[in-house]
Amino acid sequence: MIVLAKNKEECIFESIVDGTGLRLVVFLAGCQHRCKGCHNPETWDINNGIMYTNEEVINFIVDKYKKCNGYYKGITFSGGDPLLQKEELEYIIKDIREKLKEYNFDIWLYTGYNYEEAKSFEVIRLIDVLVDGKFDLDKKSINYKFRGSYNQRIIYLKNGKVEKIL
């Protein structure tokens, strides 16, 4: 079971600001970081979210992706902090990759953890891009694409290993 920030129709949607290209973005509930100035404070309390089976979420994402005939550039997991539910997310990502293997897409994940803290999590080996670091209101900037504050990094990964950092 995984807890989404709201009902799946409201928290799995299209975006052009949560990674490159048009993407499906999935907002998960629960975050222990509680960053001052967070744009999603309603996602902090996991008890405010809605619980779904992993299969319900997988099928919803896969159906939505296939209906657009692969037009999406990728899928982004955000929140809250998706790593609060890392085991469920690992299962979901593996299954999505299998069910959408005929499409070329990438997976982004936003987290308040730093890569150095999260690199041992299995789910990190399953994603292509990690946007890491807590949002810092004192370092807020609109000049950094796909990030809220300049301490956050965009880390391109291959099998969990760093290929490039922006």
N, C-alpha and C. Protein backbone atom coordinates (compact mmCIF):
# COMPACT_ATOMS: atom_id res chain seq x y z
N MET A 1 0.84 -1.19 0.00
CA MET A 1 0.00 0.00 0.00
C MET A 1 0.88 1.25 0.00
N ILE A 2 0.44 2.23 -0.75
CA ILE A 2 1.15 3.50 -0.82
C ILE A 2 0.16 4.62 -0.56
N VAL A 3 0.65 5.70 0.05
CA VAL A 3 -0.23 6.82 0.39
C VAL A 3 0.09 8.00 -0.53
N LEU A 4 -0.92 8.38 -1.32
CA LEU A 4 -0.80 9.54 -2.20
C LEU A 4 -1.29 10.78 -1.47
N ALA A 5 -0.87 11.94 -1.95
CA ALA A 5 -1.21 13.19 -1.28
C ALA A 5 -2.70 13.48 -1.29
N LYS A 6 -3.39 13.07 -2.34
CA LYS A 6 -4.84 13.27 -2.49
C LYS A 6 -5.37 12.08 -3.27
N ASN A 7 -6.62 12.19 -3.76
CA ASN A 7 -7.09 11.10 -4.60
C ASN A 7 -6.26 11.08 -5.89
N LYS A 8 -6.14 9.92 -6.47
CA LYS A 8 -5.18 9.73 -7.57
C LYS A 8 -5.45 10.64 -8.76
N GLU A 9 -6.70 11.00 -9.00
CA GLU A 9 -7.01 11.89 -10.11
C GLU A 9 -6.47 13.31 -9.88
N GLU A 10 -6.30 13.69 -8.62
CA GLU A 10 -5.81 15.03 -8.28
C GLU A 10 -4.30 15.08 -8.08
N CYS A 11 -3.67 13.96 -7.79
CA CYS A 11 -2.24 14.02 -7.48
C CYS A 11 -1.37 13.26 -8.47
N ILE A 12 -1.96 12.80 -9.57
CA ILE A 12 -1.19 12.26 -10.68
C ILE A 12 -1.64 13.05 -11.91
N PHE A 13 -0.80 13.97 -12.34
CA PHE A 13 -1.21 14.87 -13.42
C PHE A 13 -0.02 15.28 -14.27
N GLU A 14 -0.31 16.01 -15.35
CA GLU A 14 0.72 16.47 -16.27
C GLU A 14 1.39 17.73 -15.76
N SER A 15 2.69 17.86 -16.07
CA SER A 15 3.44 19.04 -15.66
C SER A 15 4.61 19.26 -16.61
N ILE A 16 5.02 20.52 -16.72
CA ILE A 16 6.24 20.84 -17.48
C ILE A 16 7.29 21.50 -16.58
N VAL A 17 7.03 21.52 -15.27
CA VAL A 17 7.96 22.18 -14.34
C VAL A 17 8.60 21.22 -13.33
N ASP A 18 8.32 19.93 -13.45
CA ASP A 18 8.84 18.94 -12.50
C ASP A 18 9.77 17.96 -13.20
N GLY A 19 10.61 18.50 -14.08
CA GLY A 19 11.52 17.69 -14.87
C GLY A 19 11.39 18.08 -16.33
N THR A 20 12.24 17.51 -17.17
CA THR A 20 12.27 17.89 -18.58
C THR A 20 11.06 17.36 -19.34
N GLY A 21 10.55 18.19 -20.23
CA GLY A 21 9.44 17.79 -21.09
C GLY A 21 8.12 17.66 -20.34
N LEU A 22 7.11 17.24 -21.08
CA LEU A 22 5.80 16.97 -20.47
C LEU A 22 5.89 15.66 -19.70
N ARG A 23 5.47 15.70 -18.44
CA ARG A 23 5.65 14.55 -17.56
C ARG A 23 4.37 14.22 -16.81
N LEU A 24 4.30 13.00 -16.35
CA LEU A 24 3.30 12.63 -15.35
C LEU A 24 3.97 12.81 -13.99
N VAL A 25 3.33 13.54 -13.11
CA VAL A 25 3.89 13.78 -11.78
C VAL A 25 2.98 13.12 -10.76
N VAL A 26 3.60 12.41 -9.82
CA VAL A 26 2.89 11.69 -8.77
C VAL A 26 3.30 12.29 -7.43
N PHE A 27 2.33 12.82 -6.69
CA PHE A 27 2.60 13.41 -5.39
C PHE A 27 2.25 12.42 -4.29
N LEU A 28 3.26 12.05 -3.50
CA LEU A 28 3.07 11.14 -2.39
C LEU A 28 2.91 11.92 -1.10
N ALA A 29 2.25 11.31 -0.13
CA ALA A 29 2.05 11.94 1.18
C ALA A 29 3.19 11.57 2.12
N GLY A 30 3.44 12.47 3.05
CA GLY A 30 4.41 12.23 4.10
C GLY A 30 5.75 12.90 3.84
N CYS A 31 6.17 13.72 4.79
CA CYS A 31 7.49 14.35 4.71
C CYS A 31 7.93 14.74 6.12
N GLN A 32 9.11 14.31 6.48
CA GLN A 32 9.66 14.63 7.80
C GLN A 32 10.52 15.89 7.78
N HIS A 33 10.83 16.42 6.60
CA HIS A 33 11.73 17.57 6.51
C HIS A 33 11.07 18.88 6.92
N ARG A 34 9.82 19.07 6.54
CA ARG A 34 9.03 20.25 6.92
C ARG A 34 9.79 21.56 6.66
N CYS A 35 10.22 21.72 5.43
CA CYS A 35 11.00 22.90 5.05
C CYS A 35 10.16 24.18 5.13
N LYS A 36 10.72 25.19 5.74
CA LYS A 36 10.07 26.50 5.82
C LYS A 36 9.90 27.02 4.39
N GLY A 37 8.67 27.41 4.04
CA GLY A 37 8.39 27.92 2.70
C GLY A 37 8.04 26.84 1.69
N CYS A 38 7.89 25.61 2.12
CA CYS A 38 7.53 24.50 1.24
C CYS A 38 6.26 24.84 0.46
N HIS A 39 6.22 24.48 -0.84
CA HIS A 39 5.02 24.77 -1.63
C HIS A 39 3.96 23.68 -1.51
N ASN A 40 4.24 22.61 -0.76
CA ASN A 40 3.27 21.53 -0.56
C ASN A 40 3.15 21.12 0.91
N PRO A 41 2.97 22.05 1.84
CA PRO A 41 2.91 21.65 3.26
C PRO A 41 1.75 20.71 3.58
N GLU A 42 0.72 20.73 2.75
CA GLU A 42 -0.41 19.83 2.98
C GLU A 42 -0.04 18.36 2.78
N THR A 43 1.13 18.10 2.19
CA THR A 43 1.57 16.72 1.97
C THR A 43 2.42 16.18 3.12
N TRP A 44 2.74 17.00 4.09
CA TRP A 44 3.65 16.57 5.16
C TRP A 44 3.10 15.41 5.98
N ASP A 45 1.86 15.49 6.38
CA ASP A 45 1.27 14.48 7.27
C ASP A 45 0.74 13.32 6.43
N ILE A 46 1.37 12.18 6.57
CA ILE A 46 0.97 11.01 5.79
C ILE A 46 -0.48 10.61 6.08
N ASN A 47 -0.97 10.95 7.26
CA ASN A 47 -2.35 10.63 7.62
C ASN A 47 -3.37 11.47 6.86
N ASN A 48 -2.94 12.55 6.23
CA ASN A 48 -3.84 13.37 5.42
C ASN A 48 -3.97 12.84 4.00
N GLY A 49 -3.16 11.85 3.65
CA GLY A 49 -3.19 11.29 2.30
C GLY A 49 -4.25 10.22 2.16
N ILE A 50 -4.29 9.63 0.98
CA ILE A 50 -5.23 8.56 0.68
C ILE A 50 -4.44 7.32 0.30
N MET A 51 -4.78 6.19 0.93
CA MET A 51 -4.05 4.94 0.72
C MET A 51 -4.61 4.20 -0.49
N TYR A 52 -3.70 3.71 -1.31
CA TYR A 52 -4.05 2.90 -2.48
C TYR A 52 -3.17 1.66 -2.49
N THR A 53 -3.65 0.62 -3.16
CA THR A 53 -2.77 -0.52 -3.39
C THR A 53 -1.73 -0.08 -4.42
N ASN A 54 -0.59 -0.71 -4.38
CA ASN A 54 0.45 -0.40 -5.37
C ASN A 54 -0.09 -0.62 -6.79
N GLU A 55 -0.89 -1.68 -6.96
CA GLU A 55 -1.43 -2.01 -8.27
C GLU A 55 -2.39 -0.93 -8.78
N GLU A 56 -3.18 -0.34 -7.90
CA GLU A 56 -4.08 0.75 -8.32
C GLU A 56 -3.28 1.92 -8.89
N VAL A 57 -2.21 2.28 -8.22
CA VAL A 57 -1.38 3.40 -8.66
C VAL A 57 -0.66 3.03 -9.96
N ILE A 58 -0.09 1.85 -10.01
CA ILE A 58 0.61 1.39 -11.22
C ILE A 58 -0.33 1.41 -12.41
N ASN A 59 -1.50 0.82 -12.26
CA ASN A 59 -2.45 0.74 -13.38
C ASN A 59 -2.91 2.12 -13.82
N PHE A 60 -3.13 3.02 -12.88
CA PHE A 60 -3.55 4.38 -13.21
C PHE A 60 -2.47 5.09 -14.03
N ILE A 61 -1.22 4.98 -13.60
CA ILE A 61 -0.10 5.61 -14.30
C ILE A 61 0.09 4.98 -15.68
N VAL A 62 0.11 3.67 -15.75
CA VAL A 62 0.33 2.97 -17.01
C VAL A 62 -0.79 3.29 -18.00
N ASP A 63 -2.04 3.26 -17.55
CA ASP A 63 -3.16 3.57 -18.45
C ASP A 63 -3.06 5.00 -18.98
N LYS A 64 -2.76 5.93 -18.09
CA LYS A 64 -2.65 7.34 -18.49
C LYS A 64 -1.50 7.51 -19.48
N TYR A 65 -0.39 6.85 -19.23
CA TYR A 65 0.78 6.94 -20.11
C TYR A 65 0.45 6.37 -21.49
N LYS A 66 -0.17 5.21 -21.52
CA LYS A 66 -0.47 4.56 -22.80
C LYS A 66 -1.52 5.33 -23.60
N LYS A 67 -2.45 5.98 -22.93
CA LYS A 67 -3.48 6.76 -23.63
C LYS A 67 -2.85 7.91 -24.41
N CYS A 68 -1.72 8.38 -23.95
CA CYS A 68 -1.01 9.47 -24.66
C CYS A 68 0.02 8.92 -25.63
N ASN A 69 0.00 7.61 -25.82
CA ASN A 69 0.87 6.94 -26.79
C ASN A 69 2.34 7.30 -26.61
N GLY A 70 2.76 7.40 -25.36
CA GLY A 70 4.17 7.66 -25.08
C GLY A 70 4.61 9.09 -25.29
N TYR A 71 3.66 10.02 -25.37
CA TYR A 71 3.99 11.43 -25.58
C TYR A 71 4.75 12.03 -24.40
N TYR A 72 4.54 11.47 -23.22
CA TYR A 72 5.23 11.99 -22.03
C TYR A 72 6.72 11.70 -22.12
N LYS A 73 7.52 12.65 -21.64
CA LYS A 73 8.97 12.46 -21.59
C LYS A 73 9.35 11.57 -20.41
N GLY A 74 8.50 11.59 -19.36
CA GLY A 74 8.82 10.76 -18.21
C GLY A 74 7.83 10.89 -17.09
N ILE A 75 8.22 10.32 -15.96
CA ILE A 75 7.40 10.29 -14.75
C ILE A 75 8.23 10.87 -13.62
N THR A 76 7.61 11.73 -12.82
CA THR A 76 8.27 12.34 -11.67
C THR A 76 7.54 11.97 -10.40
N PHE A 77 8.29 11.57 -9.38
CA PHE A 77 7.72 11.31 -8.06
C PHE A 77 8.15 12.44 -7.14
N SER A 78 7.17 13.06 -6.49
CA SER A 78 7.41 14.19 -5.62
C SER A 78 6.52 14.05 -4.39
N GLY A 79 6.38 15.12 -3.66
CA GLY A 79 5.53 14.99 -2.47
C GLY A 79 5.36 16.31 -1.76
N GLY A 80 5.37 16.13 -0.49
CA GLY A 80 5.92 15.17 0.44
C GLY A 80 7.35 14.77 0.03
N ASP A 81 7.80 13.74 0.63
CA ASP A 81 9.08 13.14 0.26
C ASP A 81 8.84 11.69 -0.09
N PRO A 82 8.98 11.32 -1.37
CA PRO A 82 8.73 9.95 -1.80
C PRO A 82 9.56 8.91 -1.07
N LEU A 83 10.74 9.30 -0.57
CA LEU A 83 11.59 8.31 0.09
C LEU A 83 11.05 7.87 1.44
N LEU A 84 10.04 8.56 1.95
CA LEU A 84 9.38 8.11 3.17
C LEU A 84 8.66 6.77 2.91
N GLN A 85 8.33 6.51 1.65
CA GLN A 85 7.66 5.27 1.26
C GLN A 85 8.49 4.52 0.22
N LYS A 86 9.79 4.45 0.48
CA LYS A 86 10.73 3.95 -0.52
C LYS A 86 10.50 2.50 -0.94
N GLU A 87 10.08 1.63 -0.04
CA GLU A 87 9.87 0.23 -0.42
C GLU A 87 8.71 0.09 -1.39
N GLU A 88 7.61 0.78 -1.11
CA GLU A 88 6.46 0.74 -2.00
C GLU A 88 6.81 1.36 -3.35
N LEU A 89 7.54 2.47 -3.31
CA LEU A 89 7.93 3.16 -4.53
C LEU A 89 8.85 2.29 -5.38
N GLU A 90 9.72 1.57 -4.75
CA GLU A 90 10.61 0.64 -5.46
C GLU A 90 9.78 -0.37 -6.26
N TYR A 91 8.79 -0.95 -5.61
CA TYR A 91 7.91 -1.93 -6.27
C TYR A 91 7.18 -1.28 -7.45
N ILE A 92 6.64 -0.08 -7.23
CA ILE A 92 5.88 0.63 -8.25
C ILE A 92 6.76 0.96 -9.45
N ILE A 93 7.94 1.48 -9.22
CA ILE A 93 8.83 1.85 -10.32
C ILE A 93 9.24 0.63 -11.13
N LYS A 94 9.60 -0.46 -10.46
CA LYS A 94 9.97 -1.68 -11.18
C LYS A 94 8.84 -2.15 -12.09
N ASP A 95 7.62 -2.14 -11.57
CA ASP A 95 6.48 -2.62 -12.34
C ASP A 95 6.14 -1.66 -13.49
N ILE A 96 6.22 -0.37 -13.24
CA ILE A 96 5.97 0.61 -14.31
C ILE A 96 7.00 0.43 -15.43
N ARG A 97 8.25 0.29 -15.07
CA ARG A 97 9.30 0.10 -16.09
C ARG A 97 9.02 -1.15 -16.93
N GLU A 98 8.57 -2.21 -16.29
CA GLU A 98 8.26 -3.45 -17.01
C GLU A 98 7.05 -3.25 -17.92
N LYS A 99 6.00 -2.63 -17.42
CA LYS A 99 4.77 -2.48 -18.20
C LYS A 99 4.87 -1.42 -19.29
N LEU A 100 5.83 -0.53 -19.19
CA LEU A 100 6.02 0.52 -20.20
C LEU A 100 7.35 0.36 -20.93
N LYS A 101 7.88 -0.85 -20.97
CA LYS A 101 9.23 -1.05 -21.52
C LYS A 101 9.33 -0.70 -23.00
N GLU A 102 8.20 -0.64 -23.71
CA GLU A 102 8.26 -0.28 -25.13
C GLU A 102 8.38 1.23 -25.35
N TYR A 103 8.29 2.01 -24.27
CA TYR A 103 8.40 3.46 -24.36
C TYR A 103 9.76 3.94 -23.84
N ASN A 104 10.21 5.04 -24.39
CA ASN A 104 11.45 5.66 -23.94
C ASN A 104 11.09 6.79 -22.97
N PHE A 105 11.34 6.60 -21.70
CA PHE A 105 11.00 7.62 -20.70
C PHE A 105 12.01 7.57 -19.57
N ASP A 106 12.06 8.66 -18.81
CA ASP A 106 12.93 8.69 -17.64
C ASP A 106 12.10 8.90 -16.38
N ILE A 107 12.71 8.62 -15.26
CA ILE A 107 12.04 8.79 -13.96
C ILE A 107 12.86 9.74 -13.11
N TRP A 108 12.19 10.80 -12.64
CA TRP A 108 12.78 11.78 -11.73
C TRP A 108 12.18 11.56 -10.35
N LEU A 109 12.96 11.89 -9.33
CA LEU A 109 12.49 11.82 -7.95
C LEU A 109 13.00 13.03 -7.19
N TYR A 110 12.08 13.72 -6.51
CA TYR A 110 12.43 14.86 -5.65
C TYR A 110 12.47 14.38 -4.21
N THR A 111 13.52 14.77 -3.47
CA THR A 111 13.62 14.40 -2.06
C THR A 111 14.34 15.49 -1.27
N GLY A 112 14.03 15.57 0.00
CA GLY A 112 14.74 16.47 0.91
C GLY A 112 16.05 15.87 1.38
N TYR A 113 16.24 14.58 1.16
CA TYR A 113 17.52 13.95 1.50
C TYR A 113 18.58 14.38 0.50
N ASN A 114 19.83 14.34 0.89
CA ASN A 114 20.94 14.50 -0.04
C ASN A 114 21.23 13.14 -0.65
N TYR A 115 21.81 13.14 -1.84
CA TYR A 115 22.18 11.90 -2.50
C TYR A 115 23.03 11.04 -1.58
N GLU A 116 23.95 11.66 -0.88
CA GLU A 116 24.86 10.92 0.00
C GLU A 116 24.09 10.15 1.09
N GLU A 117 22.97 10.68 1.52
CA GLU A 117 22.13 10.00 2.52
C GLU A 117 21.26 8.92 1.88
N ALA A 118 20.88 9.12 0.63
CA ALA A 118 19.89 8.25 -0.02
C ALA A 118 20.49 7.19 -0.94
N LYS A 119 21.78 7.29 -1.24
CA LYS A 119 22.36 6.43 -2.28
C LYS A 119 22.28 4.94 -1.96
N SER A 120 22.15 4.58 -0.71
CA SER A 120 22.07 3.16 -0.36
C SER A 120 20.66 2.58 -0.54
N PHE A 121 19.67 3.44 -0.76
CA PHE A 121 18.30 2.96 -0.95
C PHE A 121 18.18 2.33 -2.34
N GLU A 122 17.59 1.16 -2.42
CA GLU A 122 17.43 0.45 -3.69
C GLU A 122 16.71 1.30 -4.73
N VAL A 123 15.73 2.07 -4.32
CA VAL A 123 14.95 2.87 -5.27
C VAL A 123 15.83 3.86 -6.04
N ILE A 124 16.93 4.30 -5.48
CA ILE A 124 17.83 5.24 -6.16
C ILE A 124 18.44 4.59 -7.40
N ARG A 125 18.64 3.28 -7.38
CA ARG A 125 19.18 2.57 -8.54
C ARG A 125 18.16 2.44 -9.67
N LEU A 126 16.90 2.74 -9.37
CA LEU A 126 15.83 2.56 -10.35
C LEU A 126 15.43 3.85 -11.05
N ILE A 127 15.96 4.98 -10.60
CA ILE A 127 15.57 6.27 -11.19
C ILE A 127 16.70 6.81 -12.06
N ASP A 128 16.35 7.79 -12.87
CA ASP A 128 17.33 8.39 -13.78
C ASP A 128 17.86 9.73 -13.27
N VAL A 129 17.00 10.46 -12.56
CA VAL A 129 17.38 11.79 -12.08
C VAL A 129 16.87 11.98 -10.66
N LEU A 130 17.75 12.46 -9.80
CA LEU A 130 17.40 12.77 -8.41
C LEU A 130 17.56 14.27 -8.21
N VAL A 131 16.50 14.92 -7.74
CA VAL A 131 16.63 16.32 -7.31
C VAL A 131 16.69 16.25 -5.80
N ASP A 132 17.86 16.55 -5.25
CA ASP A 132 18.08 16.31 -3.82
C ASP A 132 18.20 17.60 -3.02
N GLY A 133 18.05 17.44 -1.72
CA GLY A 133 18.25 18.54 -0.79
C GLY A 133 16.96 19.19 -0.33
N LYS A 134 16.98 19.63 0.91
CA LYS A 134 15.83 20.33 1.47
C LYS A 134 15.68 21.68 0.79
N PHE A 135 14.44 22.12 0.67
CA PHE A 135 14.20 23.49 0.19
C PHE A 135 14.65 24.44 1.29
N ASP A 136 15.45 25.44 0.91
CA ASP A 136 15.96 26.43 1.86
C ASP A 136 15.43 27.80 1.44
N LEU A 137 14.51 28.33 2.21
CA LEU A 137 13.86 29.60 1.89
C LEU A 137 14.88 30.73 1.72
N ASP A 138 15.96 30.70 2.49
CA ASP A 138 17.00 31.74 2.38
C ASP A 138 17.80 31.62 1.07
N LYS A 139 17.70 30.47 0.41
CA LYS A 139 18.42 30.25 -0.84
C LYS A 139 17.45 30.11 -2.02
N LYS A 140 16.22 30.54 -1.82
CA LYS A 140 15.20 30.45 -2.86
C LYS A 140 15.62 31.25 -4.08
N SER A 141 15.36 30.68 -5.26
CA SER A 141 15.69 31.37 -6.50
C SER A 141 14.81 30.85 -7.63
N ILE A 142 14.36 31.74 -8.48
CA ILE A 142 13.61 31.32 -9.66
C ILE A 142 14.55 31.09 -10.85
N ASN A 143 15.83 31.26 -10.64
CA ASN A 143 16.81 31.12 -11.71
C ASN A 143 17.34 29.70 -11.87
N TYR A 144 16.92 28.79 -11.04
CA TYR A 144 17.41 27.41 -11.09
C TYR A 144 16.29 26.50 -11.55
N LYS A 145 16.38 26.06 -12.78
CA LYS A 145 15.36 25.23 -13.39
C LYS A 145 15.13 23.95 -12.58
N PHE A 146 13.87 23.65 -12.34
CA PHE A 146 13.43 22.42 -11.67
C PHE A 146 13.82 22.34 -10.20
N ARG A 147 14.27 23.44 -9.62
CA ARG A 147 14.65 23.47 -8.21
C ARG A 147 14.07 24.72 -7.57
N GLY A 148 13.83 24.66 -6.28
CA GLY A 148 13.29 25.81 -5.57
C GLY A 148 14.35 26.67 -4.91
N SER A 149 15.47 26.06 -4.55
CA SER A 149 16.55 26.81 -3.90
C SER A 149 17.89 26.31 -4.44
N TYR A 150 18.87 27.18 -4.43
CA TYR A 150 20.13 26.85 -5.11
C TYR A 150 21.00 25.82 -4.40
N ASN A 151 20.63 25.40 -3.21
CA ASN A 151 21.36 24.30 -2.57
C ASN A 151 20.93 22.94 -3.12
N GLN A 152 19.79 22.89 -3.78
CA GLN A 152 19.31 21.62 -4.33
C GLN A 152 20.06 21.30 -5.62
N ARG A 153 20.25 20.01 -5.87
CA ARG A 153 21.01 19.58 -7.04
C ARG A 153 20.16 18.69 -7.93
N ILE A 154 20.43 18.76 -9.22
CA ILE A 154 19.86 17.82 -10.18
C ILE A 154 20.96 16.82 -10.48
N ILE A 155 20.73 15.57 -10.12
CA ILE A 155 21.76 14.54 -10.24
C ILE A 155 21.30 13.47 -11.22
N TYR A 156 22.03 13.35 -12.32
CA TYR A 156 21.74 12.33 -13.32
C TYR A 156 22.44 11.05 -12.89
N LEU A 157 21.67 9.96 -12.88
CA LEU A 157 22.16 8.69 -12.35
C LEU A 157 22.11 7.58 -13.40
N LYS A 158 22.95 6.61 -13.22
CA LYS A 158 22.87 5.35 -13.97
C LYS A 158 23.12 4.24 -12.97
N ASN A 159 22.11 3.42 -12.74
CA ASN A 159 22.18 2.34 -11.75
C ASN A 159 22.58 2.86 -10.37
N GLY A 160 22.10 4.05 -10.04
CA GLY A 160 22.36 4.63 -8.72
C GLY A 160 23.66 5.38 -8.59
N LYS A 161 24.48 5.35 -9.62
CA LYS A 161 25.78 6.04 -9.59
C LYS A 161 25.66 7.39 -10.31
N VAL A 162 26.34 8.37 -9.78
CA VAL A 162 26.29 9.72 -10.33
C VAL A 162 26.99 9.78 -11.68
N GLU A 163 26.28 10.33 -12.67
CA GLU A 163 26.88 10.58 -13.98
C GLU A 163 27.17 12.06 -14.17
N LYS A 164 26.26 12.90 -13.67
CA LYS A 164 26.43 14.35 -13.84
C LYS A 164 25.60 15.06 -12.77
N ILE A 165 26.13 16.17 -12.27
CA ILE A 165 25.42 16.99 -11.28
C ILE A 165 25.29 18.41 -11.81
N LEU A 166 24.08 18.93 -11.73
CA LEU A 166 23.84 20.33 -12.10
C LEU A 166 23.48 21.11 -10.86
